[in-house]
Amino acid sequence: MTTQDIKEAIVSLIDTEITAIPTVDAEQFSAVDLPFIGVTMTSERISHTLSKAYRGTVEIKLRAHSGDDLSVPALNDITNDLEGYLNADFKTVLNAALDGIHIDYFAPNGGVPQWEGESLECSFDCDIVFQST
C-alpha cells in the first residue's frame, strides 16, 4: 500500500471528468494537455496500535491557461465542476478504484483559485483517513 496508489487513482478519476485541451508550449517543443492536474499527499500513522490506519492531507492542483481555447468562464465552470465532483460521493468512487486500500474519510475543504494574468492555479485541500486492507 502506498500513497502513490491513492494519488494515481485521484488523478485518473479527475482526468475522466475534465476536458483536455491539447496545446503546444511557448517554445513549441512539446504538446501538453490542459487543464493539468497534480496531486500531493502527506500522511502519518494514526497510532502504533492501529498500524494500518493513516490520516493525512491531499492537495489537488488544477492548472490551466485561458489563452488555450478555454475562456475564463469555461475555466471557472471546470473548477466549479471539479469542486462539485469532489464534494459528491468521491470517497465511494475512489474506493472502487483502489485495491488493498480503503478510504474511510475524504473531505474536501473547498477550492482556492488564483489567477495570474491568463493563468489559473486552483488548489483543493482535502482531509483523508485510510487504511491498508
Protein backbone atom coordinates (compact mmCIF):
# COMPACT_ATOMS: atom_id res chain seq x y z
CA MET A 1 0.00 0.00 0.00
CA THR A 2 1.39 3.36 -0.95
CA THR A 3 0.12 6.90 -1.08
CA GLN A 4 1.21 6.83 -4.72
CA ASP A 5 -1.68 4.43 -5.44
CA ILE A 6 -4.12 6.93 -3.94
CA LYS A 7 -2.61 9.87 -5.85
CA GLU A 8 -2.70 7.99 -9.16
CA ALA A 9 -6.33 6.95 -8.60
CA ILE A 10 -7.34 10.56 -7.84
CA VAL A 11 -5.64 11.87 -10.99
CA SER A 12 -7.19 9.13 -13.12
CA LEU A 13 -10.70 9.76 -11.78
CA ILE A 14 -10.46 13.53 -12.19
CA ASP A 15 -8.98 13.24 -15.69
CA THR A 16 -12.13 11.42 -16.81
CA GLU A 17 -14.23 14.37 -15.59
CA ILE A 18 -12.22 17.23 -17.15
CA THR A 19 -11.98 18.14 -20.81
CA ALA A 20 -8.38 18.06 -22.04
CA ILE A 21 -7.25 20.80 -24.42
CA PRO A 22 -4.11 19.84 -26.37
CA THR A 23 -1.73 22.81 -26.62
CA VAL A 24 1.87 23.50 -27.54
CA ASP A 25 4.27 25.09 -25.06
CA ALA A 26 5.59 28.61 -25.69
CA GLU A 27 8.76 27.33 -27.33
CA GLN A 28 6.74 24.77 -29.33
CA PHE A 29 8.97 21.96 -28.08
CA SER A 30 6.22 19.73 -26.76
CA ALA A 31 2.48 19.26 -26.65
CA VAL A 32 0.72 19.26 -23.30
CA ASP A 33 -2.83 18.67 -22.17
CA LEU A 34 -4.50 21.42 -20.19
CA PRO A 35 -6.01 21.65 -17.69
CA PHE A 36 -3.21 19.95 -15.77
CA ILE A 37 -3.99 18.02 -12.57
CA GLY A 38 -1.35 17.39 -9.90
CA VAL A 39 -1.77 15.69 -6.54
CA THR A 40 0.47 15.84 -3.48
CA MET A 41 -0.23 13.92 -0.31
CA THR A 42 1.10 13.71 3.22
CA SER A 43 0.13 11.02 5.70
CA GLU A 44 1.01 9.68 9.11
CA ARG A 45 0.07 6.58 11.05
CA ILE A 46 -2.82 7.30 13.42
CA SER A 47 -1.24 5.30 16.27
CA HIS A 48 1.12 2.41 16.88
CA THR A 49 -1.88 0.32 17.91
CA LEU A 50 -3.64 0.98 14.59
CA SER A 51 -0.64 0.16 12.45
CA LYS A 52 -2.58 0.06 9.16
CA ALA A 53 -4.60 3.25 9.67
CA TYR A 54 -3.40 6.63 8.41
CA ARG A 55 -4.62 10.20 8.30
CA GLY A 56 -3.35 12.93 6.08
CA THR A 57 -4.00 15.68 3.60
CA VAL A 58 -4.36 15.65 -0.14
CA GLU A 59 -3.72 18.74 -2.24
CA ILE A 60 -5.17 18.65 -5.74
CA LYS A 61 -3.93 21.38 -8.09
CA LEU A 62 -5.61 22.35 -11.31
CA ARG A 63 -3.52 24.47 -13.69
CA ALA A 64 -4.90 25.98 -16.87
CA HIS A 65 -4.48 28.96 -19.18
CA SER A 66 -7.36 30.95 -20.62
CA GLY A 67 -5.43 31.58 -23.83
CA ASP A 68 -5.52 27.89 -24.83
CA ASP A 69 -9.01 27.60 -26.33
CA LEU A 70 -10.54 27.95 -22.87
CA SER A 71 -12.30 31.14 -21.86
CA VAL A 72 -12.24 32.46 -18.30
CA PRO A 73 -15.92 31.47 -17.80
CA ALA A 74 -15.13 27.96 -19.12
CA LEU A 75 -12.25 27.63 -16.65
CA ASN A 76 -14.50 28.82 -13.82
CA ASP A 77 -17.04 26.16 -14.86
CA ILE A 78 -14.31 23.50 -14.77
CA THR A 79 -13.22 24.49 -11.24
CA ASN A 80 -16.86 24.51 -10.07
CA ASP A 81 -17.46 21.10 -11.67
CA LEU A 82 -14.32 19.71 -10.02
CA GLU A 83 -15.34 21.07 -6.63
CA GLY A 84 -18.78 19.51 -7.07
CA TYR A 85 -17.25 16.19 -8.11
CA LEU A 86 -15.01 16.12 -5.02
CA ASN A 87 -17.90 17.09 -2.74
CA ALA A 88 -20.21 14.40 -4.11
CA ASP A 89 -19.62 10.79 -3.15
CA PHE A 90 -15.96 10.90 -4.24
CA LYS A 91 -14.88 8.59 -1.40
CA THR A 92 -17.02 5.75 -2.81
CA VAL A 93 -15.72 6.30 -6.35
CA LEU A 94 -12.14 6.41 -5.05
CA ASN A 95 -12.60 3.20 -3.04
CA ALA A 96 -13.86 1.42 -6.16
CA ALA A 97 -10.66 2.42 -7.98
CA LEU A 98 -8.30 1.15 -5.26
CA ASP A 99 -7.19 -2.35 -4.36
CA GLY A 100 -5.67 -3.09 -0.95
CA ILE A 101 -6.54 0.38 0.39
CA HIS A 102 -9.81 1.55 1.91
CA ILE A 103 -10.67 5.24 2.26
CA ASP A 104 -12.65 5.76 5.46
CA TYR A 105 -12.95 9.54 5.23
CA PHE A 106 -12.40 12.02 2.40
CA ALA A 107 -13.44 15.64 2.95
CA PRO A 108 -12.58 18.48 0.56
CA ASN A 109 -12.17 21.87 2.18
CA GLY A 110 -13.04 23.84 -0.96
CA GLY A 111 -11.01 25.23 -3.81
CA VAL A 112 -8.86 28.35 -3.80
CA PRO A 113 -8.47 29.82 -7.32
CA GLN A 114 -5.53 32.11 -8.02
CA TRP A 115 -5.41 33.99 -11.30
CA GLU A 116 -2.19 35.49 -12.60
CA GLY A 117 -2.93 37.15 -15.91
CA GLU A 118 -4.46 34.42 -18.06
CA SER A 119 -3.09 31.57 -15.91
CA LEU A 120 -5.17 29.83 -13.29
CA GLU A 121 -3.96 27.65 -10.45
CA CYS A 122 -6.69 26.27 -8.23
CA SER A 123 -5.83 24.24 -5.12
CA PHE A 124 -8.24 21.88 -3.43
CA ASP A 125 -7.16 20.77 0.06
CA CYS A 126 -8.76 17.59 1.36
CA ASP A 127 -8.56 15.63 4.60
CA ILE A 128 -8.24 11.87 4.31
CA VAL A 129 -8.28 8.83 6.59
CA PHE A 130 -7.41 5.48 5.03
CA GLN A 131 -6.19 2.02 5.87
CA SER A 132 -4.48 -0.83 4.14
CA THR A 133 -6.57 -3.97 3.88
